[in-house]
Protein backbone atom coordinates (compact mmCIF):
# COMPACT_ATOMS: atom_id res chain seq x y z
CA MET A 1 134.55 126.11 -218.95
CA GLY A 2 132.62 128.49 -221.20
CA ILE A 3 131.18 127.78 -224.62
CA PRO A 4 132.83 124.66 -226.09
CA GLU A 5 135.29 125.15 -228.93
CA SER A 6 133.17 122.79 -231.05
CA GLN A 7 130.13 125.06 -230.67
CA LEU A 8 132.14 128.17 -231.52
CA GLU A 9 133.65 126.39 -234.53
CA THR A 10 130.15 125.56 -235.75
CA TRP A 11 129.15 129.20 -235.32
CA SER A 12 132.21 130.29 -237.30
CA ARG A 13 131.11 128.57 -240.52
CA GLN A 14 129.88 130.63 -243.40
CA GLY A 15 126.31 130.19 -244.54
CA GLU A 16 125.38 128.98 -248.01
CA VAL A 17 126.24 131.46 -250.78
CA GLY A 18 125.02 129.81 -253.98
CA ALA A 19 121.51 131.25 -253.83
CA ALA A 20 122.88 134.74 -253.11
CA GLN A 21 125.12 134.57 -256.16
CA ALA A 22 122.20 133.34 -258.27
CA THR A 23 120.09 136.24 -256.98
CA TYR A 24 122.80 138.74 -257.93
CA ARG A 25 123.11 137.27 -261.43
CA SER A 26 119.33 137.34 -261.89
CA ILE A 27 119.08 141.00 -260.93
CA ARG A 28 122.05 141.93 -263.08
CA HIS A 29 120.41 140.16 -266.02
CA ALA A 30 117.17 142.06 -265.42
CA LEU A 31 119.03 145.38 -265.56
CA THR A 32 121.16 144.58 -268.61
CA SER A 33 118.56 142.88 -270.80
CA ASN A 34 117.73 144.37 -274.18
CA THR A 35 114.52 145.98 -272.91
CA SER A 36 115.99 147.51 -269.74
CA PRO A 37 115.81 151.33 -269.68
CA VAL A 38 119.18 151.47 -267.86
CA ARG A 39 120.98 149.08 -270.20
CA GLU A 40 123.02 151.84 -271.86
CA LYS A 41 123.71 153.79 -268.67
CA ASP A 42 127.08 153.86 -266.90
CA PHE A 43 126.28 151.77 -263.83
CA GLU A 44 127.54 148.75 -261.92
CA VAL A 45 125.82 146.03 -259.92
CA TYR A 46 127.37 144.30 -256.93
CA LEU A 47 126.50 142.46 -253.75
CA HIS A 48 126.55 144.37 -250.49
CA GLY A 49 126.34 143.30 -246.86
CA SER A 50 127.13 139.94 -245.32
CA TYR A 51 127.06 137.93 -248.58
CA ARG A 52 129.53 140.31 -250.18
CA ASN A 53 131.76 140.37 -247.10
CA SER A 54 131.69 136.59 -246.43
CA THR A 55 130.24 137.15 -242.96
CA ASN A 56 126.83 135.62 -243.69
CA ILE A 57 125.52 132.97 -241.33
CA ARG A 58 122.77 130.38 -241.75
CA ALA A 59 120.19 132.76 -240.28
CA ASP A 60 120.80 135.33 -243.04
CA SER A 61 118.34 135.24 -245.91
CA ASP A 62 117.74 138.54 -247.70
CA VAL A 63 120.38 139.68 -250.18
CA ASP A 64 121.51 143.29 -250.50
CA VAL A 65 122.34 144.41 -254.04
CA VAL A 66 123.76 147.82 -254.99
CA VAL A 67 122.97 149.34 -258.38
CA GLN A 68 125.35 152.29 -258.61
CA LEU A 69 125.13 155.00 -261.28
CA ASN A 70 128.59 156.39 -262.02
CA SER A 71 127.84 159.00 -264.69
CA THR A 72 126.17 161.18 -262.05
CA PHE A 73 127.68 161.66 -258.61
CA ARG A 74 127.29 163.74 -255.47
CA ALA A 75 130.34 165.21 -253.79
CA ASP A 76 131.52 166.16 -250.32
CA VAL A 77 134.15 168.89 -250.72
CA SER A 78 134.11 170.02 -247.08
CA ALA A 79 137.69 168.82 -246.48
CA LEU A 80 139.10 170.77 -249.43
CA PRO A 81 140.74 174.17 -249.03
CA GLU A 82 138.81 177.01 -250.63
CA SER A 83 141.25 177.17 -253.55
CA GLU A 84 140.57 173.53 -254.48
CA LYS A 85 136.82 173.90 -254.00
CA ALA A 86 137.03 176.64 -256.62
CA PHE A 87 138.67 174.17 -259.02
CA GLN A 88 136.20 171.35 -258.35
CA ARG A 89 132.90 173.22 -258.71
CA PRO A 90 133.22 174.25 -262.39
CA SER A 91 135.01 171.08 -263.49
CA TYR A 92 131.83 169.07 -264.02
CA LEU A 93 128.66 170.00 -265.86
CA ARG A 94 125.36 169.73 -264.01
CA ALA A 95 123.98 166.25 -264.66
CA ALA A 96 120.77 165.89 -266.63
CA TYR A 97 120.09 162.32 -265.49
CA LEU A 98 119.50 162.42 -261.74
CA TRP A 99 118.98 159.92 -258.94
CA ASP A 100 115.19 159.90 -259.13
CA ASP A 101 115.40 159.27 -262.90
CA PHE A 102 117.75 156.36 -262.34
CA ARG A 103 115.66 154.87 -259.54
CA THR A 104 112.52 155.10 -261.67
CA ASP A 105 114.26 153.31 -264.54
CA VAL A 106 115.71 150.60 -262.27
CA LEU A 107 112.23 149.99 -260.84
CA GLU A 108 110.79 149.76 -264.35
CA ALA A 109 113.45 147.25 -265.39
CA LEU A 110 112.89 145.07 -262.33
CA ARG A 111 109.11 145.10 -262.70
CA ALA A 112 109.35 144.24 -266.40
CA TYR A 113 111.50 141.24 -265.52
CA TYR A 114 109.92 139.97 -262.29
CA GLY A 115 106.34 141.21 -262.76
CA ALA A 116 104.74 144.53 -261.91
CA SER A 117 103.13 143.23 -258.71
CA GLY A 118 106.23 141.35 -257.56
CA VAL A 119 108.56 144.29 -256.99
CA TRP A 120 107.64 146.89 -254.41
CA GLU A 121 109.21 150.01 -252.94
CA THR A 122 110.46 150.37 -249.37
CA THR A 123 111.86 153.41 -247.59
CA ARG A 124 115.39 152.70 -248.77
CA SER A 125 115.26 150.05 -251.46
CA LEU A 126 113.37 148.19 -254.16
CA ARG A 127 112.40 144.72 -252.96
CA VAL A 128 112.57 141.78 -255.32
CA PRO A 129 110.73 138.63 -254.22
CA GLY A 130 112.48 135.32 -253.89
CA GLY A 131 111.68 132.41 -256.12
CA ALA A 132 113.08 129.20 -257.51
CA GLY A 133 116.79 129.25 -256.73
CA ILE A 134 116.93 132.92 -255.71
CA LEU A 135 116.47 134.79 -252.44
CA ARG A 136 114.49 137.90 -251.65
CA ALA A 137 116.62 140.94 -252.40
CA ASP A 138 116.79 144.58 -251.38
CA VAL A 139 118.04 146.54 -254.39
CA VAL A 140 119.51 149.95 -253.61
CA ALA A 141 119.51 152.31 -256.59
CA CYS A 142 122.14 154.93 -255.85
CA LEU A 143 124.60 157.46 -257.17
CA GLN A 144 128.35 157.37 -256.80
CA TYR A 145 129.50 159.52 -253.88
CA ARG A 146 132.87 161.21 -253.69
CA LYS A 147 134.39 162.35 -250.40
CA TYR A 148 137.24 164.51 -251.61
CA GLN A 149 140.67 164.74 -250.04
CA ARG A 150 142.28 166.63 -252.94
CA PHE A 151 141.19 168.35 -256.13
CA ARG A 152 143.75 170.25 -258.15
CA SER A 153 142.30 169.30 -261.51
CA VAL A 154 140.22 166.55 -263.13
CA ARG A 155 143.45 164.62 -263.65
CA ASP A 156 144.81 165.32 -260.17
CA GLN A 157 142.17 164.46 -257.61
CA ARG A 158 141.72 162.01 -254.74
CA TYR A 159 138.50 160.93 -253.06
CA SER A 160 136.96 158.07 -251.13
CA GLU A 161 134.25 156.42 -253.21
CA GLY A 162 130.92 155.70 -251.64
CA ILE A 163 127.26 155.57 -252.57
CA THR A 164 124.35 157.88 -251.82
CA PHE A 165 120.60 157.70 -252.25
CA TYR A 166 117.55 159.52 -250.95
CA ALA A 167 115.47 157.85 -248.24
CA LEU A 168 112.00 159.04 -249.17
CA LYS A 169 110.18 158.66 -245.84
CA GLU A 170 113.21 159.84 -243.86
CA ASN A 171 113.54 162.90 -246.08
CA ARG A 172 117.34 162.77 -246.22
CA TRP A 173 120.27 161.61 -248.32
CA LEU A 174 122.03 158.52 -246.97
CA VAL A 175 125.72 157.85 -247.56
CA ASN A 176 127.63 154.58 -247.28
CA PHE A 177 130.97 153.23 -248.42
CA PRO A 178 130.43 149.53 -249.28
CA LYS A 179 133.61 149.13 -251.35
CA LEU A 180 135.78 150.54 -248.55
CA HIS A 181 133.95 148.34 -246.04
CA TYR A 182 134.79 145.29 -248.14
CA ASP A 183 138.41 146.27 -248.73
CA ASN A 184 139.08 147.02 -245.06
CA GLY A 185 137.47 143.77 -243.95
CA ALA A 186 139.55 141.80 -246.45
CA SER A 187 142.69 143.53 -245.19
CA LYS A 188 141.91 142.75 -241.55
CA ASN A 189 141.19 139.13 -242.45
CA SER A 190 144.46 138.75 -244.37
CA GLN A 191 147.28 136.41 -243.34
CA PRO A 192 149.67 139.12 -242.11
CA ARG A 193 147.02 140.61 -239.80
CA THR A 194 144.59 138.08 -238.29
CA GLY A 195 145.55 134.98 -240.26
CA GLY A 196 142.08 134.61 -241.72
CA GLU A 197 140.40 134.65 -238.31
CA TYR A 198 138.58 137.99 -238.51
CA LYS A 199 135.61 136.98 -240.67
CA PRO A 200 135.03 133.63 -238.94
CA THR A 201 135.07 135.52 -235.62
CA VAL A 202 132.45 137.94 -236.93
CA ARG A 203 130.28 134.93 -237.77
CA VAL A 204 130.83 133.51 -234.27
CA PHE A 205 129.60 136.72 -232.68
CA LYS A 206 126.69 137.07 -235.08
CA ASN A 207 125.56 133.54 -234.24
CA ALA A 208 125.99 134.18 -230.52
CA ARG A 209 123.89 137.34 -230.90
CA THR A 210 121.24 135.32 -232.79
CA TYR A 211 121.29 132.72 -229.98
CA LEU A 212 120.54 135.45 -227.45
CA VAL A 213 117.70 136.80 -229.60
CA ASP A 214 116.21 133.34 -230.15
CA HIS A 215 116.27 132.69 -226.40
CA GLU A 216 114.65 136.08 -225.74
CA VAL A 217 117.61 137.38 -223.77
CA ILE A 218 118.02 140.49 -225.94
CA ALA A 219 115.76 142.29 -228.38
CA GLU A 220 116.15 141.76 -232.12
CA GLY A 221 117.13 145.37 -232.78
CA LEU A 222 119.70 145.74 -230.00
CA ALA A 223 122.71 144.86 -232.16
CA PRO A 224 122.22 144.95 -235.94
CA SER A 225 124.67 142.73 -237.82
CA HIS A 226 126.53 145.50 -239.62
CA LEU A 227 127.09 147.43 -236.37
CA LEU A 228 128.32 144.29 -234.61
CA GLU A 229 130.77 143.65 -237.45
CA CYS A 230 132.03 147.23 -237.23
CA LEU A 231 132.47 146.90 -233.47
CA LEU A 232 134.70 143.86 -233.95
CA TYR A 233 136.66 145.65 -236.68
CA ASN A 234 137.99 148.01 -234.01
CA VAL A 235 139.48 145.18 -231.92
CA PRO A 236 143.30 144.99 -232.36
CA ASP A 237 144.47 142.22 -234.66
CA ALA A 238 146.44 140.48 -231.89
CA HIS A 239 143.21 139.49 -230.10
CA PHE A 240 142.11 137.19 -232.95
CA ALA A 241 143.72 134.03 -231.64
CA THR A 242 144.16 130.48 -232.91
CA THR A 243 141.23 129.14 -230.87
CA TYR A 244 137.72 130.57 -230.87
CA GLN A 245 137.44 130.23 -227.10
CA LYS A 246 140.45 132.47 -226.49
CA THR A 247 139.31 134.91 -229.17
CA PHE A 248 135.78 135.11 -227.74
CA VAL A 249 137.02 135.87 -224.23
CA ASP A 250 139.80 138.25 -225.31
CA VAL A 251 137.57 140.23 -227.67
CA ILE A 252 134.79 140.69 -225.11
CA GLY A 253 137.28 141.61 -222.40
CA TRP A 254 139.05 144.17 -224.57
CA LEU A 255 135.80 145.75 -225.72
CA ILE A 256 134.38 146.05 -222.19
CA GLU A 257 137.61 147.70 -221.04
CA SER A 258 137.35 150.06 -224.02
CA PHE A 259 133.93 151.22 -222.86
CA LEU A 260 135.14 151.70 -219.30
CA ASP A 261 138.17 153.82 -220.25
CA GLY A 262 136.56 155.76 -223.09
CA ARG A 263 138.49 154.26 -226.02
CA TYR A 264 135.20 153.41 -227.73
CA GLU A 265 134.77 157.08 -228.61
CA SER A 266 137.44 156.68 -231.31
CA PHE A 267 135.85 153.57 -232.86
CA LEU A 268 135.03 153.81 -236.56
CA PHE A 269 132.72 152.04 -238.98
CA GLN A 270 134.61 149.43 -240.98
CA HIS A 271 134.77 151.83 -243.94
CA GLU A 272 136.60 154.26 -241.59
CA GLN A 273 134.65 157.31 -242.80
CA LEU A 274 132.41 157.83 -239.75
CA ALA A 275 132.55 157.34 -235.99
CA LEU A 276 130.71 154.19 -234.96
CA PHE A 277 129.08 155.81 -231.92
CA GLY A 278 127.19 159.07 -231.97
CA ASP A 279 123.79 160.69 -232.05
CA THR A 280 122.95 160.50 -235.77
CA PRO A 281 120.37 157.94 -236.98
CA ASP A 282 123.08 155.80 -238.61
CA GLN A 283 125.35 155.54 -235.55
CA TRP A 284 125.18 153.19 -232.57
CA VAL A 285 124.29 154.08 -229.01
CA PRO A 286 127.07 153.04 -226.57
CA ASN A 287 124.77 151.58 -223.91
CA ARG A 288 123.23 149.23 -226.50
CA ALA A 289 126.65 147.87 -227.40
CA MET A 290 127.52 147.50 -223.71
CA ALA A 291 124.26 145.61 -223.09
CA LEU A 292 125.18 143.18 -225.86
CA LEU A 293 128.70 142.67 -224.47
CA HIS A 294 127.47 141.99 -220.95
CA ASN A 295 124.94 139.45 -222.24
CA LEU A 296 127.64 137.77 -224.33
CA GLU A 297 129.86 137.62 -221.24
CA GLN A 298 127.02 136.03 -219.27
CA LEU A 299 126.40 133.57 -222.09
CA TRP A 300 130.02 132.46 -221.84
CA GLU A 301 129.94 132.18 -218.03
CA GLY A 302 126.61 130.39 -217.89
CA TRP A 303 127.01 127.90 -220.74
């Protein structure tokens, strides 16, 4: 019989979003107040992760907030021909206000607003404590990132916009594309493609993964939420059916077949800028994904 449709429907529901929105507004206010050292800078603040993408479930708590400086950016020109690289390099002056300056100022603004002892630094973010009506937040201070496809002049250029920041303890620059991730997820969820079933299906699988963790079937770190979402993004639209039972079975079946015949090697992150599986620290290991799928299959068969 498998997992009842009623259980899957419960798992498909989005978690509460009011506190996440309040957290975002609070952080934005802290950064734009009259005393904030970044108030006059060219930056934007937006939610990132499951709350931004409407894939949050009840188990989600921490909020991810991006604080993106746009007046300074880092560029990837590797895809440009040499002639266009020669145009791009001298087209922008070297920035005087750099990432570490911006991060320092964002930290100062947050500590002035929430208290010096309340905001602390992690490897990748600035952590803001939760409080009355707001959740704990990881604030990522970053620069705009441009992955160029064309550069003929400042007025004639094309690039994919991402973010980049330096992970201090990892001693490397990290790159992500949260806006593209959001846009591609919204497109896949649209009526012409999956009829609004993509994001609820992501929540079903996230809750099923959480069920396995809670029952000590799999380890917490086997399948991080963002990697699971990206895995499902690669499933063809036609497999997101009108019932969650059919979708659950079809998606797992298609993914297992994809690992057996090697199709998984072409899978991409939802932002479509990087292969999902590989040997870099930000990619997923295939056998971990397969372990998750087999445990999900067993969960269905043994319910």
